[in-house]
Amino acid sequence: MSSEIFSKRTLSIKTVTFTKAISFFLAIIYGSFIVISLQLQFFLGSGDINSYIHFFDEAGNDASVVTIRGDYAFRIAVFWLTEFFDITTISVLSYMAFAISSVIFYLYSINIRSQKYLIYILPLFLMVFFTPNVQVLFSSGIRSGIAFAILMLGFVSFKGLNRYILFFLASAVHLSMLPIISLYFLFNFLNNKRIKTPFIFSIITLLVGSFVIAIGSTRVHFVDVVSASIAYNLIIFYVALLIIFINKKALKDVYGFMSVGLILIYLMGLTIDASFIRYVGNAIILYLFFLIKRGEVGTIQTFSFGYSPFFILTLYYSIANWF
């Protein structure tokens, strides 16, 4: 009997090790894809990557041009890495993009619950990570991607003081993480065991909280004036409806709650002529983590089916803009 238990444990350990090895290998491939995407954007002159390159090329090795502002930590880090390793700015940014994209891909893949759920969630998993809104987090918007990666590590892998330290670090890298952190604390307040709140109260609080966060975000100047076309906003509105209404249990999970909150912030932004398009990618990838951790098979299938048109349309829209 003991030998049988030992054999099962050995097989389980080998399976877990093999799964992690495959996840690591696929994460490396995805990271390489993101680097290629970054290099292509640089070559075509699209995305935020060229703004970064222009700034660092103009500044040269003079780090004194960096003022105390939201991107201070990021720009100082790029200056230091460029000088320390004696490599170009585009190389530093490529290494950063590779690191954050492969880490997030690996983190998500090792949290898939079982082979049963892998079969159902794999198509959605790939669609989400290859969605242009998500790719941008790791390629064009490197600074916010680094901040989000730090934040996700704090959510998933750390507790207590270490988690809060990572929250602070993520905010120092990019202030746009503050709304996500605010939603995290709002969720914990609403789901405090000592404070029982009805479901409708949670929805109303989230709506009001999202509007307040949207207004507050415009005061710290990390949003833009709405510039996307009506057609593109309608596509985003479609996926927003999916995230909000597919499964109300999402509001009882921290990742689902933050995802819905970010989508509401995007929608609130449209009413005040402010663009929170950056949060669409965050919302999608957070909702994926909710499905990975707690999503039922039916929810995964329904969301995958509904998400497919969004993935195809945004991919087409992205490719058309490049060429």
Protein backbone atom coordinates (compact mmCIF):
# COMPACT_ATOMS: atom_id res chain seq x y z
CA MET A 1 0.00 0.00 0.00
CA SER A 2 2.79 2.41 0.96
CA SER A 3 4.69 1.61 -2.24
CA GLU A 4 1.56 2.35 -4.28
CA ILE A 5 1.14 5.73 -2.56
CA PHE A 6 4.83 6.46 -3.12
CA SER A 7 4.48 5.61 -6.83
CA LYS A 8 1.47 7.91 -7.18
CA ARG A 9 3.34 10.74 -5.47
CA THR A 10 6.37 10.19 -7.69
CA LEU A 11 4.16 10.24 -10.79
CA SER A 12 2.46 13.41 -9.55
CA ILE A 13 5.81 15.13 -8.97
CA LYS A 14 7.03 14.11 -12.42
CA THR A 15 3.79 15.39 -14.01
CA VAL A 16 4.08 18.74 -12.23
CA THR A 17 7.75 19.03 -13.20
CA PHE A 18 6.98 18.20 -16.83
CA THR A 19 4.09 20.70 -16.88
CA LYS A 20 6.32 23.45 -15.50
CA ALA A 21 9.04 22.62 -18.02
CA ILE A 22 6.55 22.87 -20.92
CA SER A 23 5.17 26.11 -19.47
CA PHE A 24 8.68 27.54 -19.22
CA PHE A 25 9.48 26.56 -22.81
CA LEU A 26 6.24 28.12 -24.12
CA ALA A 27 6.88 31.25 -22.04
CA ILE A 28 10.27 31.63 -23.73
CA ILE A 29 8.60 31.33 -27.14
CA TYR A 30 5.98 33.92 -26.20
CA GLY A 31 8.65 36.28 -24.86
CA SER A 32 10.54 35.95 -28.14
CA PHE A 33 7.34 36.73 -30.06
CA ILE A 34 6.87 39.92 -28.01
CA VAL A 35 10.44 40.99 -28.78
CA ILE A 36 9.79 40.47 -32.50
CA SER A 37 6.60 42.52 -32.14
CA LEU A 38 8.54 45.30 -30.39
CA GLN A 39 11.23 45.31 -33.08
CA LEU A 40 8.56 45.44 -35.78
CA GLN A 41 6.87 48.41 -34.13
CA PHE A 42 10.24 50.15 -33.92
CA PHE A 43 10.91 49.44 -37.60
CA LEU A 44 7.46 50.68 -38.67
CA GLY A 45 7.59 53.70 -36.37
CA SER A 46 4.39 52.78 -34.50
CA GLY A 47 3.53 52.49 -30.82
CA ASP A 48 5.12 54.15 -27.79
CA ILE A 49 8.43 52.37 -28.31
CA ASN A 50 9.68 55.05 -30.70
CA SER A 51 8.95 57.78 -28.14
CA TYR A 52 11.18 55.98 -25.65
CA ILE A 53 13.95 55.51 -28.19
CA HIS A 54 13.77 59.17 -29.24
CA PHE A 55 14.01 60.36 -25.63
CA PHE A 56 17.00 58.20 -24.73
CA ASP A 57 18.80 58.94 -28.00
CA GLU A 58 18.35 62.67 -27.40
CA ALA A 59 19.50 62.39 -23.79
CA GLY A 60 22.49 60.19 -24.55
CA ASN A 61 24.12 59.18 -21.26
CA ASP A 62 22.96 62.31 -19.42
CA ALA A 63 20.62 60.96 -16.73
CA SER A 64 20.24 64.46 -15.29
CA VAL A 65 17.57 65.23 -17.92
CA VAL A 66 15.22 62.86 -16.08
CA THR A 67 13.04 64.84 -13.69
CA ILE A 68 11.18 63.60 -10.64
CA ARG A 69 8.00 62.36 -12.28
CA GLY A 70 5.96 59.21 -12.75
CA ASP A 71 8.48 57.57 -15.08
CA TYR A 72 11.57 58.54 -13.08
CA ALA A 73 12.37 55.01 -11.84
CA PHE A 74 11.91 53.48 -15.26
CA ARG A 75 14.06 55.97 -17.15
CA ILE A 76 16.84 55.87 -14.57
CA ALA A 77 16.81 52.05 -14.83
CA VAL A 78 17.13 52.20 -18.63
CA PHE A 79 19.98 54.71 -18.38
CA TRP A 80 21.80 52.51 -15.86
CA LEU A 81 21.32 49.24 -17.80
CA THR A 82 22.38 50.83 -21.08
CA GLU A 83 25.57 52.17 -19.56
CA PHE A 84 26.36 49.15 -17.37
CA PHE A 85 26.03 46.55 -20.14
CA ASP A 86 27.17 48.93 -22.89
CA ILE A 87 24.23 48.09 -25.16
CA THR A 88 21.72 50.13 -27.14
CA THR A 89 18.42 51.41 -25.76
CA ILE A 90 16.39 49.18 -28.07
CA SER A 91 18.30 46.16 -26.70
CA VAL A 92 17.51 47.11 -23.10
CA LEU A 93 13.83 47.61 -23.91
CA SER A 94 13.77 44.29 -25.79
CA TYR A 95 15.22 42.43 -22.81
CA MET A 96 12.67 44.09 -20.53
CA ALA A 97 9.79 43.16 -22.85
CA PHE A 98 11.05 39.57 -23.04
CA ALA A 99 11.35 39.28 -19.26
CA ILE A 100 7.93 40.64 -18.31
CA SER A 101 6.00 38.83 -21.05
CA SER A 102 7.60 35.44 -20.40
CA VAL A 103 7.17 35.80 -16.62
CA ILE A 104 3.45 36.63 -16.90
CA PHE A 105 2.86 33.85 -19.46
CA TYR A 106 4.61 31.34 -17.19
CA LEU A 107 2.79 32.58 -14.08
CA TYR A 108 -0.57 32.13 -15.78
CA SER A 109 0.21 28.74 -17.31
CA ILE A 110 1.37 27.10 -14.06
CA ASN A 111 -1.83 28.21 -12.33
CA ILE A 112 -4.12 26.25 -14.65
CA ARG A 113 -5.89 23.85 -12.32
CA SER A 114 -5.77 20.56 -14.21
CA GLN A 115 -5.51 18.89 -17.61
CA LYS A 116 -9.32 18.92 -17.80
CA TYR A 117 -9.43 22.70 -17.55
CA LEU A 118 -6.40 23.04 -19.82
CA ILE A 119 -8.35 21.48 -22.68
CA TYR A 120 -11.17 23.99 -22.29
CA ILE A 121 -9.15 27.10 -21.52
CA LEU A 122 -6.19 26.65 -23.90
CA PRO A 123 -7.88 28.30 -26.95
CA LEU A 124 -8.93 31.29 -24.83
CA PHE A 125 -5.51 31.39 -23.16
CA LEU A 126 -3.78 31.73 -26.52
CA MET A 127 -6.33 34.21 -27.88
CA VAL A 128 -5.91 36.47 -24.85
CA PHE A 129 -2.12 36.50 -24.91
CA PHE A 130 -2.08 37.20 -28.64
CA THR A 131 -4.77 39.88 -28.45
CA PRO A 132 -3.24 43.22 -29.54
CA ASN A 133 -4.50 44.99 -26.39
CA VAL A 134 -2.57 42.48 -24.28
CA GLN A 135 0.52 42.40 -26.51
CA VAL A 136 0.79 46.17 -26.14
CA LEU A 137 1.21 45.73 -22.37
CA PHE A 138 4.49 43.94 -22.97
CA SER A 139 5.83 45.50 -26.16
CA SER A 140 4.78 49.08 -26.82
CA GLY A 141 3.80 50.01 -23.26
CA ILE A 142 6.86 48.49 -21.60
CA ARG A 143 6.81 50.71 -18.52
CA SER A 144 3.19 49.91 -17.65
CA GLY A 145 3.92 46.26 -18.53
CA ILE A 146 6.76 46.14 -16.01
CA ALA A 147 4.55 47.73 -13.37
CA PHE A 148 1.72 45.26 -14.11
CA ALA A 149 4.10 42.28 -13.95
CA ILE A 150 5.35 43.44 -10.54
CA LEU A 151 1.75 43.90 -9.42
CA MET A 152 0.68 40.42 -10.58
CA LEU A 153 3.64 38.86 -8.78
CA GLY A 154 2.49 40.70 -5.67
CA PHE A 155 -1.06 39.41 -6.05
CA VAL A 156 -0.18 35.79 -6.83
CA SER A 157 3.16 34.99 -5.19
CA PHE A 158 3.47 37.19 -2.09
CA LYS A 159 1.55 38.01 1.07
CA GLY A 160 1.69 40.55 3.85
CA LEU A 161 4.37 43.23 3.87
CA ASN A 162 6.16 41.87 0.78
CA ARG A 163 2.96 42.21 -1.24
CA TYR A 164 2.55 45.84 -0.20
CA ILE A 165 6.18 46.57 -1.03
CA LEU A 166 5.55 45.28 -4.55
CA PHE A 167 2.40 47.41 -4.74
CA PHE A 168 4.51 50.47 -3.93
CA LEU A 169 7.21 49.47 -6.43
CA ALA A 170 4.63 48.92 -9.20
CA SER A 171 3.14 52.35 -8.53
CA ALA A 172 6.60 53.94 -8.57
CA VAL A 173 7.24 52.43 -12.00
CA HIS A 174 3.85 53.54 -13.37
CA LEU A 175 1.11 55.49 -11.58
CA SER A 176 -1.54 53.76 -13.69
CA MET A 177 -1.29 50.82 -11.27
CA LEU A 178 -2.94 52.89 -8.53
CA PRO A 179 -6.52 52.31 -9.82
CA ILE A 180 -5.88 48.55 -9.93
CA ILE A 181 -4.53 48.61 -6.37
CA SER A 182 -7.53 50.72 -5.30
CA LEU A 183 -9.88 48.10 -6.74
CA TYR A 184 -7.96 45.40 -4.85
CA PHE A 185 -8.52 47.16 -1.53
CA LEU A 186 -12.14 47.91 -2.41
CA PHE A 187 -12.73 44.20 -3.05
CA ASN A 188 -11.22 43.25 0.28
CA PHE A 189 -13.39 45.83 2.04
CA LEU A 190 -16.59 44.58 0.41
CA ASN A 191 -15.71 40.95 1.12
CA ASN A 192 -14.63 41.42 4.70
CA LYS A 193 -16.12 38.55 6.72
CA ARG A 194 -17.08 40.96 9.47
CA ILE A 195 -19.01 43.16 7.05
CA LYS A 196 -21.71 41.35 5.10
CA THR A 197 -22.69 43.32 2.03
CA PRO A 198 -25.52 42.34 -0.36
CA PHE A 199 -24.68 41.72 -4.01
CA ILE A 200 -26.49 44.86 -5.24
CA PHE A 201 -24.49 46.98 -2.78
CA SER A 202 -21.24 45.57 -4.23
CA ILE A 203 -22.33 46.47 -7.76
CA ILE A 204 -23.34 50.01 -6.83
CA THR A 205 -20.14 50.52 -4.83
CA LEU A 206 -18.05 49.26 -7.74
CA LEU A 207 -19.85 51.60 -10.15
CA VAL A 208 -19.37 54.60 -7.89
CA GLY A 209 -15.79 53.58 -7.07
CA SER A 210 -14.91 53.19 -10.75
CA PHE A 211 -16.30 56.65 -11.53
CA VAL A 212 -14.37 58.22 -8.64
CA ILE A 213 -11.17 56.46 -9.76
CA ALA A 214 -11.73 57.65 -13.33
CA ILE A 215 -12.15 61.24 -12.16
CA GLY A 216 -9.13 60.97 -9.86
CA SER A 217 -6.98 59.49 -12.63
CA THR A 218 -7.54 62.54 -14.80
CA ARG A 219 -6.08 64.65 -12.00
CA VAL A 220 -2.75 62.81 -12.01
CA HIS A 221 -2.44 63.08 -15.79
CA PHE A 222 -1.86 59.53 -17.02
CA VAL A 223 -4.90 59.49 -19.33
CA ASP A 224 -5.39 60.86 -22.83
CA VAL A 225 -8.25 62.55 -24.60
CA VAL A 226 -10.52 59.99 -26.31
CA SER A 227 -9.05 59.40 -29.77
CA ALA A 228 -10.21 55.92 -30.81
CA SER A 229 -12.80 55.63 -33.55
CA ILE A 230 -16.45 54.96 -32.78
CA ALA A 231 -16.16 51.50 -34.39
CA TYR A 232 -13.17 50.58 -32.22
CA ASN A 233 -14.91 51.82 -29.07
CA LEU A 234 -17.93 49.69 -29.97
CA ILE A 235 -15.69 46.63 -30.25
CA ILE A 236 -14.25 47.39 -26.81
CA PHE A 237 -17.77 47.96 -25.47
CA TYR A 238 -18.70 44.49 -26.72
CA VAL A 239 -15.94 42.77 -24.75
CA ALA A 240 -16.82 44.96 -21.77
CA LEU A 241 -20.32 43.50 -21.81
CA LEU A 242 -18.84 39.99 -21.90
CA ILE A 243 -16.64 40.64 -18.89
CA ILE A 244 -19.42 42.28 -16.87
CA PHE A 245 -22.32 39.93 -17.61
CA ILE A 246 -20.94 36.46 -18.48
CA ASN A 247 -20.68 35.40 -14.84
CA LYS A 248 -21.76 37.45 -11.83
CA LYS A 249 -19.49 35.27 -9.66
CA ALA A 250 -16.61 37.31 -11.06
CA LEU A 251 -17.46 39.99 -8.49
CA LYS A 252 -16.76 37.47 -5.74
CA ASP A 253 -13.24 36.84 -6.98
CA VAL A 254 -10.52 39.47 -6.60
CA TYR A 255 -9.26 39.09 -10.18
CA GLY A 256 -12.75 39.10 -11.66
CA PHE A 257 -13.67 42.11 -9.51
CA MET A 258 -10.62 44.10 -10.63
CA SER A 259 -11.30 43.14 -14.25
CA VAL A 260 -14.90 44.37 -14.11
CA GLY A 261 -13.75 47.50 -12.27
CA LEU A 262 -11.17 48.35 -14.93
CA ILE A 263 -13.71 47.87 -17.72
CA LEU A 264 -16.10 50.19 -15.85
CA ILE A 265 -13.31 52.76 -15.53
CA TYR A 266 -12.86 52.57 -19.31
CA LEU A 267 -16.61 53.08 -19.82
CA MET A 268 -16.70 55.95 -17.30
CA GLY A 269 -13.82 57.55 -19.17
CA LEU A 270 -15.92 57.77 -22.32
CA THR A 271 -18.44 59.93 -20.46
CA ILE A 272 -15.80 62.46 -19.38
CA ASP A 273 -13.83 62.51 -22.65
CA ALA A 274 -10.85 60.63 -21.18
CA SER A 275 -9.21 57.55 -22.66
CA PHE A 276 -8.57 54.58 -20.37
CA ILE A 277 -7.90 52.26 -23.29
CA ARG A 278 -4.71 51.11 -21.54
CA TYR A 279 -6.86 49.28 -18.98
CA VAL A 280 -8.67 47.12 -21.53
CA GLY A 281 -5.66 44.81 -21.85
CA ASN A 282 -5.29 44.69 -18.06
CA ALA A 283 -8.98 43.88 -17.67
CA ILE A 284 -8.86 41.06 -20.22
CA ILE A 285 -5.80 39.40 -18.76
CA LEU A 286 -7.13 39.71 -15.20
CA TYR A 287 -10.42 38.12 -16.27
CA LEU A 288 -8.45 35.27 -17.80
CA PHE A 289 -6.79 34.68 -14.42
CA PHE A 290 -10.23 34.60 -12.80
CA LEU A 291 -11.29 31.92 -15.29
CA ILE A 292 -8.06 29.99 -14.71
CA LYS A 293 -8.53 29.97 -10.94
CA ARG A 294 -12.30 29.77 -10.50
CA GLY A 295 -14.05 29.65 -13.87
CA GLU A 296 -16.47 26.82 -14.51
CA VAL A 297 -16.32 24.87 -17.76
CA GLY A 298 -19.56 26.45 -19.02
CA THR A 299 -18.31 29.96 -18.28
CA ILE A 300 -15.00 29.27 -20.02
CA GLN A 301 -16.75 27.93 -23.11
CA THR A 302 -19.25 30.80 -23.27
CA PHE A 303 -16.62 33.48 -22.81
CA SER A 304 -14.31 31.81 -25.35
CA PHE A 305 -17.10 31.74 -27.93
CA GLY A 306 -18.00 35.37 -27.29
CA TYR A 307 -14.39 36.50 -27.19
CA SER A 308 -13.45 35.01 -30.58
CA PRO A 309 -15.01 37.82 -32.70
CA PHE A 310 -13.31 40.45 -30.54
CA PHE A 311 -9.95 38.72 -30.96
CA ILE A 312 -10.31 38.45 -34.74
CA LEU A 313 -11.51 42.03 -35.21
CA THR A 314 -8.87 43.64 -33.01
CA LEU A 315 -6.14 41.53 -34.60
CA TYR A 316 -7.30 42.61 -38.05
CA TYR A 317 -7.54 46.24 -36.89
CA SER A 318 -4.00 46.07 -35.49
CA ILE A 319 -2.47 44.52 -38.61
CA ALA A 320 -4.30 47.03 -40.84
CA ASN A 321 -2.87 49.92 -38.80
CA TRP A 322 0.67 48.55 -39.11
CA PHE A 323 0.55 48.22 -42.87
